[in-house]
């Protein structure tokens, strides 16, 4: 931990990406039946197991140094709108910082890549491979990135869960809905 203070200026987002959360109990005082324990919550990163408070401080500092405060606020607002989970404010902030350190807004495999960037950073979508696919069951069209389609083909046998059909259905590339045609293109 001592060396982190000396290398803060050289930290990268990859260094602080969360691999998993950690925790351990520790003895505060007492002995026998009168022992008092505490619990330390932490985050495992490329630079080691950091206490949550230290990781949060480093992550926020890196965001400031990188000039990404606006992106962090956008991600925070997006998650606030999209999240259906009740979380404490500190846990919510930890989750949003984790998404930021993982560079999700820049990852075309992220399920919210298109809607998030369409809302906050449309210039990112100009460089992305955007495709339309059609559900073979109901014909509903879905917009996705090439990376997302590749992941569906590699991991789900080419099937996507269709909320309209209520089942996992094969998807096939098709034309943009506004382009007309039968969508078999």
N, C-alpha and C. Protein backbone atom coordinates (compact mmCIF):
# COMPACT_ATOMS: atom_id res chain seq x y z
N UNK A 1 0.81 -1.19 0.00
CA UNK A 1 0.00 0.00 0.00
C UNK A 1 0.86 1.26 0.00
N UNK A 2 2.03 1.20 0.60
CA UNK A 2 2.88 2.39 0.65
C UNK A 2 3.29 2.85 -0.73
N UNK A 3 3.51 1.91 -1.65
CA UNK A 3 3.96 2.29 -2.98
C UNK A 3 2.85 2.93 -3.81
N UNK A 4 1.59 2.77 -3.43
CA UNK A 4 0.49 3.38 -4.18
C UNK A 4 0.59 4.89 -4.10
N UNK A 5 0.92 5.42 -2.94
CA UNK A 5 1.04 6.86 -2.78
C UNK A 5 2.08 7.45 -3.72
N UNK A 6 3.13 6.69 -4.03
CA UNK A 6 4.19 7.19 -4.89
C UNK A 6 3.87 7.02 -6.37
N UNK A 7 2.90 6.17 -6.71
CA UNK A 7 2.63 5.90 -8.12
C UNK A 7 1.27 6.39 -8.58
N UNK A 8 0.56 7.18 -7.74
CA UNK A 8 -0.79 7.62 -8.09
C UNK A 8 -0.83 8.31 -9.44
N UNK A 9 0.18 9.09 -9.75
CA UNK A 9 0.18 9.83 -11.02
C UNK A 9 0.26 8.89 -12.22
N UNK A 10 0.75 7.67 -12.02
CA UNK A 10 0.93 6.73 -13.13
C UNK A 10 -0.19 5.69 -13.21
N UNK A 11 -1.17 5.77 -12.33
CA UNK A 11 -2.24 4.78 -12.34
C UNK A 11 -3.07 4.92 -13.61
N UNK A 12 -3.57 3.78 -14.10
CA UNK A 12 -4.44 3.76 -15.27
C UNK A 12 -5.79 3.17 -14.86
N UNK A 13 -6.77 3.31 -15.75
CA UNK A 13 -8.08 2.72 -15.49
C UNK A 13 -7.95 1.20 -15.36
N UNK A 14 -7.10 0.60 -16.17
CA UNK A 14 -6.89 -0.86 -16.08
C UNK A 14 -6.34 -1.26 -14.72
N UNK A 15 -5.47 -0.42 -14.14
CA UNK A 15 -4.92 -0.72 -12.81
C UNK A 15 -6.01 -0.80 -11.76
N UNK A 16 -7.05 0.02 -11.91
CA UNK A 16 -8.10 0.10 -10.88
C UNK A 16 -9.37 -0.64 -11.24
N UNK A 17 -9.34 -1.38 -12.36
CA UNK A 17 -10.51 -2.16 -12.74
C UNK A 17 -10.79 -3.21 -11.66
N UNK A 18 -12.05 -3.34 -11.31
CA UNK A 18 -12.45 -4.28 -10.25
C UNK A 18 -12.50 -5.69 -10.80
N UNK A 19 -11.74 -6.58 -10.18
CA UNK A 19 -11.81 -8.00 -10.53
C UNK A 19 -12.90 -8.67 -9.70
N UNK A 20 -12.91 -8.35 -8.40
CA UNK A 20 -13.95 -8.84 -7.51
C UNK A 20 -13.84 -8.07 -6.20
N UNK A 21 -14.89 -8.16 -5.40
CA UNK A 21 -14.89 -7.49 -4.10
C UNK A 21 -14.36 -8.46 -3.05
N UNK A 22 -13.71 -7.91 -2.07
CA UNK A 22 -13.10 -8.73 -1.03
C UNK A 22 -13.63 -8.30 0.33
N UNK A 23 -13.34 -9.09 1.31
CA UNK A 23 -13.71 -8.75 2.68
C UNK A 23 -13.03 -9.68 3.65
N UNK A 24 -12.81 -9.18 4.82
CA UNK A 24 -12.24 -10.04 5.86
C UNK A 24 -12.54 -9.42 7.22
N UNK A 25 -12.72 -10.30 8.17
CA UNK A 25 -12.97 -9.82 9.53
C UNK A 25 -11.62 -9.64 10.23
N UNK A 26 -11.64 -8.79 11.22
CA UNK A 26 -10.42 -8.56 12.00
C UNK A 26 -10.81 -8.30 13.46
N UNK A 27 -9.89 -8.65 14.33
CA UNK A 27 -10.11 -8.49 15.77
C UNK A 27 -9.85 -7.04 16.16
N UNK A 28 -10.84 -6.43 16.79
CA UNK A 28 -10.67 -5.05 17.27
C UNK A 28 -10.14 -5.07 18.68
N UNK A 29 -10.77 -5.85 19.56
CA UNK A 29 -10.32 -5.91 20.94
C UNK A 29 -10.93 -7.13 21.63
N UNK A 30 -10.47 -7.35 22.85
CA UNK A 30 -11.05 -8.38 23.69
C UNK A 30 -10.40 -9.74 23.49
N UNK A 31 -10.88 -10.65 24.31
CA UNK A 31 -10.42 -12.03 24.22
C UNK A 31 -11.53 -12.95 24.70
N UNK A 32 -11.44 -14.20 24.32
CA UNK A 32 -12.47 -15.17 24.70
C UNK A 32 -13.82 -14.79 24.12
N UNK A 33 -14.84 -14.84 25.00
CA UNK A 33 -16.19 -14.50 24.54
C UNK A 33 -16.41 -13.01 24.38
N UNK A 34 -15.47 -12.21 24.81
CA UNK A 34 -15.62 -10.75 24.76
C UNK A 34 -14.92 -10.12 23.56
N UNK A 35 -14.57 -10.94 22.59
CA UNK A 35 -13.91 -10.41 21.40
C UNK A 35 -14.86 -9.52 20.61
N UNK A 36 -14.30 -8.44 20.08
CA UNK A 36 -15.06 -7.54 19.23
C UNK A 36 -14.38 -7.55 17.86
N UNK A 37 -15.17 -7.84 16.84
CA UNK A 37 -14.61 -7.93 15.49
C UNK A 37 -15.12 -6.79 14.62
N UNK A 38 -14.33 -6.45 13.64
CA UNK A 38 -14.73 -5.50 12.60
C UNK A 38 -14.67 -6.22 11.27
N UNK A 39 -15.11 -5.57 10.24
CA UNK A 39 -15.08 -6.17 8.90
C UNK A 39 -14.57 -5.14 7.92
N UNK A 40 -13.63 -5.55 7.11
CA UNK A 40 -13.01 -4.66 6.12
C UNK A 40 -13.49 -5.06 4.73
N UNK A 41 -14.13 -4.14 4.03
CA UNK A 41 -14.57 -4.36 2.65
C UNK A 41 -13.48 -3.85 1.73
N UNK A 42 -13.20 -4.62 0.68
CA UNK A 42 -12.14 -4.22 -0.23
C UNK A 42 -12.47 -4.52 -1.68
N UNK A 43 -11.53 -4.17 -2.54
CA UNK A 43 -11.67 -4.33 -3.97
C UNK A 43 -10.36 -4.91 -4.50
N UNK A 44 -10.44 -6.04 -5.21
CA UNK A 44 -9.24 -6.62 -5.82
C UNK A 44 -9.04 -6.01 -7.20
N UNK A 45 -7.86 -5.44 -7.41
CA UNK A 45 -7.50 -4.79 -8.67
C UNK A 45 -6.16 -5.33 -9.14
N UNK A 46 -5.69 -4.82 -10.27
CA UNK A 46 -4.37 -5.22 -10.76
C UNK A 46 -3.25 -4.81 -9.80
N UNK A 47 -3.49 -3.77 -9.01
CA UNK A 47 -2.45 -3.33 -8.07
C UNK A 47 -2.65 -3.88 -6.67
N UNK A 48 -3.60 -4.78 -6.52
CA UNK A 48 -3.77 -5.46 -5.24
C UNK A 48 -5.15 -5.26 -4.63
N UNK A 49 -5.29 -5.76 -3.41
CA UNK A 49 -6.53 -5.68 -2.65
C UNK A 49 -6.54 -4.37 -1.88
N UNK A 50 -7.40 -3.44 -2.30
CA UNK A 50 -7.47 -2.13 -1.68
C UNK A 50 -8.73 -2.00 -0.84
N UNK A 51 -8.64 -1.31 0.30
CA UNK A 51 -9.87 -1.01 1.03
C UNK A 51 -10.79 -0.17 0.15
N UNK A 52 -12.10 -0.36 0.28
CA UNK A 52 -13.05 0.35 -0.57
C UNK A 52 -12.84 1.86 -0.56
N UNK A 53 -12.60 2.43 0.61
CA UNK A 53 -12.42 3.88 0.71
C UNK A 53 -11.19 4.34 -0.08
N UNK A 54 -10.11 3.58 0.00
CA UNK A 54 -8.89 3.93 -0.73
C UNK A 54 -9.11 3.78 -2.24
N UNK A 55 -9.75 2.69 -2.65
CA UNK A 55 -10.03 2.49 -4.07
C UNK A 55 -10.91 3.61 -4.61
N UNK A 56 -11.95 3.98 -3.86
CA UNK A 56 -12.85 5.06 -4.27
C UNK A 56 -12.07 6.35 -4.44
N UNK A 57 -11.20 6.66 -3.50
CA UNK A 57 -10.39 7.88 -3.58
C UNK A 57 -9.50 7.87 -4.82
N UNK A 58 -8.84 6.74 -5.06
CA UNK A 58 -7.96 6.63 -6.23
C UNK A 58 -8.75 6.72 -7.54
N UNK A 59 -9.91 6.07 -7.59
CA UNK A 59 -10.73 6.09 -8.80
C UNK A 59 -11.20 7.51 -9.11
N UNK A 60 -11.68 8.22 -8.09
CA UNK A 60 -12.13 9.60 -8.30
C UNK A 60 -10.97 10.51 -8.71
N UNK A 61 -9.81 10.27 -8.13
CA UNK A 61 -8.63 11.07 -8.48
C UNK A 61 -8.25 10.81 -9.95
N UNK A 62 -8.29 9.57 -10.38
CA UNK A 62 -7.97 9.22 -11.76
C UNK A 62 -8.97 9.86 -12.73
N UNK A 63 -10.23 9.86 -12.37
CA UNK A 63 -11.26 10.49 -13.20
C UNK A 63 -10.96 11.98 -13.34
N UNK A 64 -10.62 12.62 -12.23
CA UNK A 64 -10.28 14.06 -12.28
C UNK A 64 -9.04 14.30 -13.14
N UNK A 65 -8.00 13.50 -12.92
CA UNK A 65 -6.75 13.68 -13.68
C UNK A 65 -6.95 13.45 -15.17
N UNK A 66 -7.88 12.57 -15.52
CA UNK A 66 -8.15 12.25 -16.93
C UNK A 66 -9.17 13.19 -17.55
N UNK A 67 -9.71 14.09 -16.75
CA UNK A 67 -10.71 15.03 -17.26
C UNK A 67 -12.01 14.36 -17.66
N UNK A 68 -12.38 13.30 -16.95
CA UNK A 68 -13.58 12.54 -17.31
C UNK A 68 -14.71 12.72 -16.29
N UNK A 69 -14.75 13.87 -15.63
CA UNK A 69 -15.81 14.13 -14.66
C UNK A 69 -17.18 14.12 -15.35
N UNK A 70 -17.27 14.69 -16.54
CA UNK A 70 -18.55 14.73 -17.24
C UNK A 70 -19.00 13.31 -17.60
N UNK A 71 -18.09 12.48 -18.08
CA UNK A 71 -18.44 11.09 -18.40
C UNK A 71 -18.90 10.36 -17.14
N UNK A 72 -18.23 10.61 -16.02
CA UNK A 72 -18.64 9.98 -14.76
C UNK A 72 -20.04 10.42 -14.38
N UNK A 73 -20.35 11.71 -14.51
CA UNK A 73 -21.68 12.22 -14.17
C UNK A 73 -22.74 11.62 -15.11
N UNK A 74 -22.39 11.47 -16.39
CA UNK A 74 -23.32 10.87 -17.34
C UNK A 74 -23.59 9.41 -16.98
N UNK A 75 -22.54 8.68 -16.66
CA UNK A 75 -22.68 7.28 -16.27
C UNK A 75 -23.50 7.16 -14.98
N UNK A 76 -23.26 8.06 -14.06
CA UNK A 76 -24.00 8.09 -12.80
C UNK A 76 -25.49 8.30 -13.08
N UNK A 77 -25.81 9.30 -13.93
CA UNK A 77 -27.20 9.59 -14.28
C UNK A 77 -27.84 8.42 -15.01
N UNK A 78 -27.08 7.81 -15.93
CA UNK A 78 -27.60 6.67 -16.70
C UNK A 78 -27.95 5.52 -15.77
N UNK A 79 -27.06 5.18 -14.89
CA UNK A 79 -27.30 4.07 -13.96
C UNK A 79 -28.45 4.38 -13.02
N UNK A 80 -28.58 5.65 -12.61
CA UNK A 80 -29.69 6.04 -11.74
C UNK A 80 -31.02 5.81 -12.47
N UNK A 81 -31.06 6.15 -13.77
CA UNK A 81 -32.28 5.97 -14.58
C UNK A 81 -32.57 4.49 -14.84
N UNK A 82 -31.53 3.70 -15.09
CA UNK A 82 -31.70 2.32 -15.54
C UNK A 82 -31.77 1.31 -14.40
N UNK A 83 -31.22 1.64 -13.25
CA UNK A 83 -31.12 0.68 -12.16
C UNK A 83 -32.47 0.43 -11.51
N UNK A 84 -32.75 -0.84 -11.28
CA UNK A 84 -34.00 -1.23 -10.62
C UNK A 84 -33.71 -1.81 -9.23
N UNK A 85 -32.48 -1.64 -8.77
CA UNK A 85 -32.09 -2.22 -7.49
C UNK A 85 -32.02 -1.13 -6.43
N UNK A 86 -32.46 -1.46 -5.25
CA UNK A 86 -32.29 -0.55 -4.12
C UNK A 86 -30.88 -0.74 -3.58
N UNK A 87 -30.14 0.35 -3.55
CA UNK A 87 -28.78 0.30 -3.03
C UNK A 87 -28.54 1.51 -2.15
N UNK A 88 -27.62 1.35 -1.23
CA UNK A 88 -27.22 2.51 -0.44
C UNK A 88 -26.47 3.46 -1.38
N UNK A 89 -26.47 4.75 -1.08
CA UNK A 89 -25.73 5.69 -1.94
C UNK A 89 -24.26 5.33 -2.10
N UNK A 90 -23.63 4.82 -1.05
CA UNK A 90 -22.21 4.47 -1.16
C UNK A 90 -22.00 3.26 -2.06
N UNK A 91 -22.90 2.26 -1.99
CA UNK A 91 -22.79 1.09 -2.86
C UNK A 91 -23.07 1.46 -4.31
N UNK A 92 -24.04 2.35 -4.53
CA UNK A 92 -24.35 2.81 -5.88
C UNK A 92 -23.14 3.53 -6.48
N UNK A 93 -22.51 4.40 -5.70
CA UNK A 93 -21.32 5.12 -6.18
C UNK A 93 -20.19 4.14 -6.48
N UNK A 94 -20.02 3.14 -5.65
CA UNK A 94 -19.00 2.12 -5.87
C UNK A 94 -19.25 1.39 -7.19
N UNK A 95 -20.50 1.05 -7.46
CA UNK A 95 -20.85 0.35 -8.70
C UNK A 95 -20.60 1.22 -9.92
N UNK A 96 -20.96 2.50 -9.84
CA UNK A 96 -20.75 3.40 -10.98
C UNK A 96 -19.26 3.62 -11.22
N UNK A 97 -18.49 3.78 -10.16
CA UNK A 97 -17.04 3.90 -10.32
C UNK A 97 -16.45 2.63 -10.94
N UNK A 98 -16.98 1.48 -10.56
CA UNK A 98 -16.51 0.22 -11.13
C UNK A 98 -16.79 0.17 -12.62
N UNK A 99 -17.98 0.61 -13.05
CA UNK A 99 -18.30 0.66 -14.48
C UNK A 99 -17.36 1.61 -15.22
N UNK A 100 -17.05 2.73 -14.58
CA UNK A 100 -16.15 3.71 -15.20
C UNK A 100 -14.74 3.14 -15.34
N UNK A 101 -14.24 2.50 -14.29
CA UNK A 101 -12.90 1.94 -14.34
C UNK A 101 -12.82 0.83 -15.39
N UNK A 102 -13.93 0.12 -15.62
CA UNK A 102 -13.97 -0.96 -16.62
C UNK A 102 -14.13 -0.40 -18.04
N UNK A 103 -14.31 0.90 -18.16
CA UNK A 103 -14.43 1.59 -19.46
C UNK A 103 -15.65 1.12 -20.25
N UNK A 104 -16.74 0.80 -19.55
CA UNK A 104 -17.92 0.28 -20.24
C UNK A 104 -18.48 1.22 -21.30
N UNK A 105 -18.53 2.53 -21.09
CA UNK A 105 -19.08 3.38 -22.16
C UNK A 105 -18.32 3.28 -23.48
N UNK A 106 -17.09 2.78 -23.44
CA UNK A 106 -16.28 2.63 -24.66
C UNK A 106 -16.28 1.20 -25.20
N UNK A 107 -16.97 0.28 -24.51
CA UNK A 107 -16.93 -1.13 -24.87
C UNK A 107 -18.17 -1.51 -25.69
N UNK A 108 -18.01 -1.80 -26.99
CA UNK A 108 -19.16 -2.14 -27.81
C UNK A 108 -19.86 -3.44 -27.40
N UNK A 109 -19.29 -4.21 -26.50
CA UNK A 109 -19.95 -5.42 -26.01
C UNK A 109 -20.95 -5.09 -24.89
N UNK A 110 -20.86 -3.90 -24.30
CA UNK A 110 -21.76 -3.49 -23.21
C UNK A 110 -23.19 -3.43 -23.73
N UNK A 111 -24.12 -3.99 -23.01
CA UNK A 111 -25.51 -4.04 -23.46
C UNK A 111 -26.10 -2.65 -23.66
N UNK A 112 -25.64 -1.65 -22.93
CA UNK A 112 -26.16 -0.29 -23.05
C UNK A 112 -25.27 0.62 -23.90
N UNK A 113 -24.35 0.03 -24.65
CA UNK A 113 -23.40 0.83 -25.44
C UNK A 113 -24.13 1.79 -26.39
N UNK A 114 -25.09 1.29 -27.15
CA UNK A 114 -25.77 2.14 -28.13
C UNK A 114 -26.66 3.18 -27.46
N UNK A 115 -27.58 2.78 -26.56
CA UNK A 115 -28.45 3.82 -25.98
C UNK A 115 -27.69 4.85 -25.14
N UNK A 116 -26.68 4.41 -24.38
CA UNK A 116 -25.91 5.36 -23.56
C UNK A 116 -25.19 6.37 -24.45
N UNK A 117 -24.49 5.86 -25.44
CA UNK A 117 -23.71 6.75 -26.30
C UNK A 117 -24.60 7.59 -27.22
N UNK A 118 -25.75 7.07 -27.60
CA UNK A 118 -26.68 7.87 -28.40
C UNK A 118 -27.15 9.08 -27.58
N UNK A 119 -27.35 8.87 -26.29
CA UNK A 119 -27.83 9.95 -25.43
C UNK A 119 -26.73 10.95 -25.07
N UNK A 120 -25.54 10.44 -24.73
CA UNK A 120 -24.50 11.31 -24.19
C UNK A 120 -23.31 11.58 -25.12
N UNK A 121 -22.97 10.62 -25.96
CA UNK A 121 -21.76 10.77 -26.79
C UNK A 121 -22.01 10.22 -28.19
N UNK A 122 -22.85 10.85 -28.99
CA UNK A 122 -23.18 10.30 -30.31
C UNK A 122 -21.98 10.16 -31.23
N UNK A 123 -20.94 10.94 -31.00
CA UNK A 123 -19.74 10.83 -31.85
C UNK A 123 -19.08 9.47 -31.72
N UNK A 124 -19.24 8.79 -30.60
CA UNK A 124 -18.67 7.45 -30.40
C UNK A 124 -19.33 6.46 -31.35
N UNK A 125 -20.62 6.63 -31.59
CA UNK A 125 -21.35 5.70 -32.45
C UNK A 125 -20.94 5.81 -33.91
N UNK A 126 -20.37 6.96 -34.29
CA UNK A 126 -19.91 7.12 -35.69
C UNK A 126 -18.80 6.13 -36.02
N UNK A 127 -18.05 5.72 -35.02
CA UNK A 127 -16.93 4.80 -35.22
C UNK A 127 -17.31 3.35 -34.96
N UNK A 128 -18.53 3.13 -34.46
CA UNK A 128 -18.95 1.78 -34.08
C UNK A 128 -19.66 1.07 -35.23
N UNK A 129 -19.54 -0.25 -35.23
CA UNK A 129 -20.25 -1.07 -36.21
C UNK A 129 -21.65 -1.36 -35.63
N UNK A 130 -22.65 -0.69 -36.19
CA UNK A 130 -24.02 -0.84 -35.73
C UNK A 130 -24.78 -1.70 -36.74
N UNK A 131 -25.44 -2.73 -36.24
CA UNK A 131 -26.19 -3.67 -37.08
C UNK A 131 -27.63 -3.76 -36.61
N UNK A 132 -28.47 -4.23 -37.49
CA UNK A 132 -29.84 -4.57 -37.12
C UNK A 132 -30.01 -6.07 -37.32
N UNK A 133 -30.66 -6.70 -36.35
CA UNK A 133 -30.97 -8.11 -36.47
C UNK A 133 -32.46 -8.29 -36.26
N UNK A 134 -32.99 -9.36 -36.82
CA UNK A 134 -34.42 -9.63 -36.74
C UNK A 134 -34.64 -10.96 -36.05
N UNK A 135 -35.56 -10.99 -35.11
CA UNK A 135 -35.96 -12.21 -34.42
C UNK A 135 -36.71 -13.10 -35.40
N UNK A 136 -36.32 -14.35 -35.51
CA UNK A 136 -36.97 -15.25 -36.46
C UNK A 136 -38.37 -15.65 -36.01
N UNK A 137 -38.69 -15.41 -34.74
CA UNK A 137 -40.02 -15.79 -34.26
C UNK A 137 -41.07 -14.74 -34.56
N UNK A 138 -40.87 -13.52 -34.07
CA UNK A 138 -41.89 -12.47 -34.20
C UNK A 138 -41.54 -11.42 -35.24
N UNK A 139 -40.31 -11.44 -35.71
CA UNK A 139 -39.89 -10.45 -36.70
C UNK A 139 -39.45 -9.13 -36.11
N UNK A 140 -39.44 -9.01 -34.77
CA UNK A 140 -39.00 -7.77 -34.13
C UNK A 140 -37.52 -7.53 -34.44
N UNK A 141 -37.21 -6.28 -34.72
CA UNK A 141 -35.82 -5.91 -35.04
C UNK A 141 -35.13 -5.32 -33.82
N UNK A 142 -33.86 -5.64 -33.68
CA UNK A 142 -33.04 -5.16 -32.56
C UNK A 142 -31.79 -4.51 -33.14
N UNK A 143 -31.41 -3.41 -32.54
CA UNK A 143 -30.18 -2.72 -32.93
C UNK A 143 -29.07 -3.20 -31.99
N UNK A 144 -27.91 -3.49 -32.54
CA UNK A 144 -26.78 -3.93 -31.71
C UNK A 144 -25.47 -3.68 -32.43
N UNK A 145 -24.39 -3.81 -31.69
CA UNK A 145 -23.07 -3.65 -32.29
C UNK A 145 -22.62 -4.99 -32.88
N UNK A 146 -21.64 -4.92 -33.75
CA UNK A 146 -21.07 -6.13 -34.31
C UNK A 146 -20.50 -7.04 -33.23
N UNK A 147 -19.91 -6.44 -32.20
CA UNK A 147 -19.35 -7.21 -31.08
C UNK A 147 -20.45 -7.94 -30.33
N UNK A 148 -21.58 -7.28 -30.12
CA UNK A 148 -22.69 -7.93 -29.42
C UNK A 148 -23.22 -9.11 -30.23
N UNK A 149 -23.34 -8.94 -31.55
CA UNK A 149 -23.81 -10.05 -32.40
C UNK A 149 -22.81 -11.20 -32.37
N UNK A 150 -21.53 -10.88 -32.43
CA UNK A 150 -20.50 -11.93 -32.35
C UNK A 150 -20.62 -12.70 -31.03
N UNK A 151 -20.83 -11.97 -29.93
CA UNK A 151 -20.98 -12.63 -28.63
C UNK A 151 -22.22 -13.52 -28.59
N UNK A 152 -23.31 -13.06 -29.22
CA UNK A 152 -24.52 -13.89 -29.27
C UNK A 152 -24.24 -15.17 -30.04
N UNK A 153 -23.54 -15.03 -31.15
CA UNK A 153 -23.23 -16.22 -31.95
C UNK A 153 -22.28 -17.16 -31.22
N UNK A 154 -21.29 -16.60 -30.53
CA UNK A 154 -20.29 -17.41 -29.84
C UNK A 154 -20.82 -18.04 -28.56
N UNK A 155 -21.67 -17.32 -27.82
CA UNK A 155 -22.05 -17.76 -26.49
C UNK A 155 -23.47 -18.26 -26.36
N UNK A 156 -24.34 -17.90 -27.29
CA UNK A 156 -25.75 -18.25 -27.14
C UNK A 156 -26.28 -19.01 -28.35
N UNK A 157 -25.41 -19.64 -29.09
CA UNK A 157 -25.82 -20.39 -30.29
C UNK A 157 -26.62 -19.53 -31.25
N UNK A 158 -26.28 -18.25 -31.32
CA UNK A 158 -26.97 -17.35 -32.25
C UNK A 158 -28.36 -16.95 -31.83
N UNK A 159 -28.70 -17.15 -30.55
CA UNK A 159 -30.05 -16.84 -30.08
C UNK A 159 -30.02 -15.64 -29.13
N UNK A 160 -31.06 -14.84 -29.22
CA UNK A 160 -31.24 -13.66 -28.38
C UNK A 160 -32.58 -13.80 -27.67
N UNK A 161 -32.63 -13.41 -26.41
CA UNK A 161 -33.92 -13.47 -25.71
C UNK A 161 -34.80 -12.35 -26.24
N UNK A 162 -35.94 -12.71 -26.77
CA UNK A 162 -36.89 -11.74 -27.32
C UNK A 162 -38.02 -11.55 -26.31
N UNK A 163 -38.17 -10.34 -25.81
CA UNK A 163 -39.23 -10.07 -24.84
C UNK A 163 -40.61 -10.21 -25.46
N UNK A 164 -40.71 -9.95 -26.75
CA UNK A 164 -42.00 -10.06 -27.42
C UNK A 164 -42.42 -11.53 -27.53
N UNK A 165 -41.47 -12.39 -27.93
CA UNK A 165 -41.75 -13.83 -28.05
C UNK A 165 -41.75 -14.52 -26.68
N UNK A 166 -40.95 -13.96 -25.74
CA UNK A 166 -40.81 -14.60 -24.44
C UNK A 166 -39.96 -15.85 -24.49
N UNK A 167 -39.04 -15.90 -25.46
CA UNK A 167 -38.21 -17.09 -25.62
C UNK A 167 -36.89 -16.70 -26.27
N UNK A 168 -35.96 -17.62 -26.25
CA UNK A 168 -34.67 -17.44 -26.94
C UNK A 168 -34.89 -17.80 -28.40
N UNK A 169 -34.70 -16.85 -29.27
CA UNK A 169 -34.97 -17.05 -30.70
C UNK A 169 -33.72 -16.74 -31.51
N UNK A 170 -33.53 -17.46 -32.63
CA UNK A 170 -32.42 -17.12 -33.52
C UNK A 170 -32.61 -15.72 -34.10
N UNK A 171 -31.49 -15.01 -34.28
CA UNK A 171 -31.55 -13.69 -34.90
C UNK A 171 -30.72 -13.72 -36.17
N UNK A 172 -31.12 -12.88 -37.11
CA UNK A 172 -30.44 -12.81 -38.40
C UNK A 172 -30.24 -11.35 -38.76
N UNK A 173 -29.10 -10.98 -39.35
CA UNK A 173 -28.91 -9.60 -39.78
C UNK A 173 -30.03 -9.19 -40.75
N UNK A 174 -30.43 -7.93 -40.68
CA UNK A 174 -31.48 -7.42 -41.55
C UNK A 174 -31.25 -5.95 -41.84
N UNK A 175 -32.10 -5.36 -42.66
CA UNK A 175 -32.00 -3.95 -43.00
C UNK A 175 -32.56 -3.11 -41.86
N UNK A 176 -32.15 -1.84 -41.83
CA UNK A 176 -32.68 -0.88 -40.87
C UNK A 176 -34.19 -0.80 -41.09
N UNK A 177 -35.00 -0.71 -40.03
CA UNK A 177 -36.45 -0.69 -40.20
C UNK A 177 -36.95 0.43 -41.12
N UNK A 178 -36.28 1.57 -41.14
CA UNK A 178 -36.72 2.68 -41.98
C UNK A 178 -36.36 2.50 -43.44
N UNK A 179 -35.48 1.52 -43.73
CA UNK A 179 -35.07 1.28 -45.10
C UNK A 179 -36.10 0.46 -45.87
N UNK A 180 -37.05 -0.08 -45.14
CA UNK A 180 -38.11 -0.85 -45.81
C UNK A 180 -37.62 -2.22 -46.22
N UNK A 181 -38.31 -2.81 -47.17
CA UNK A 181 -37.94 -4.16 -47.63
C UNK A 181 -38.44 -5.18 -46.64
N UNK A 182 -38.15 -6.43 -46.94
CA UNK A 182 -38.62 -7.51 -46.08
C UNK A 182 -37.68 -7.79 -44.94
N UNK A 183 -36.54 -7.09 -44.89
CA UNK A 183 -35.62 -7.26 -43.77
C UNK A 183 -34.79 -8.51 -43.84
N UNK A 184 -34.75 -9.16 -44.95
CA UNK A 184 -33.93 -10.38 -45.06
C UNK A 184 -32.53 -10.08 -45.55
N UNK A 185 -32.19 -8.80 -45.65
CA UNK A 185 -30.89 -8.42 -46.20
C UNK A 185 -29.84 -8.36 -45.28
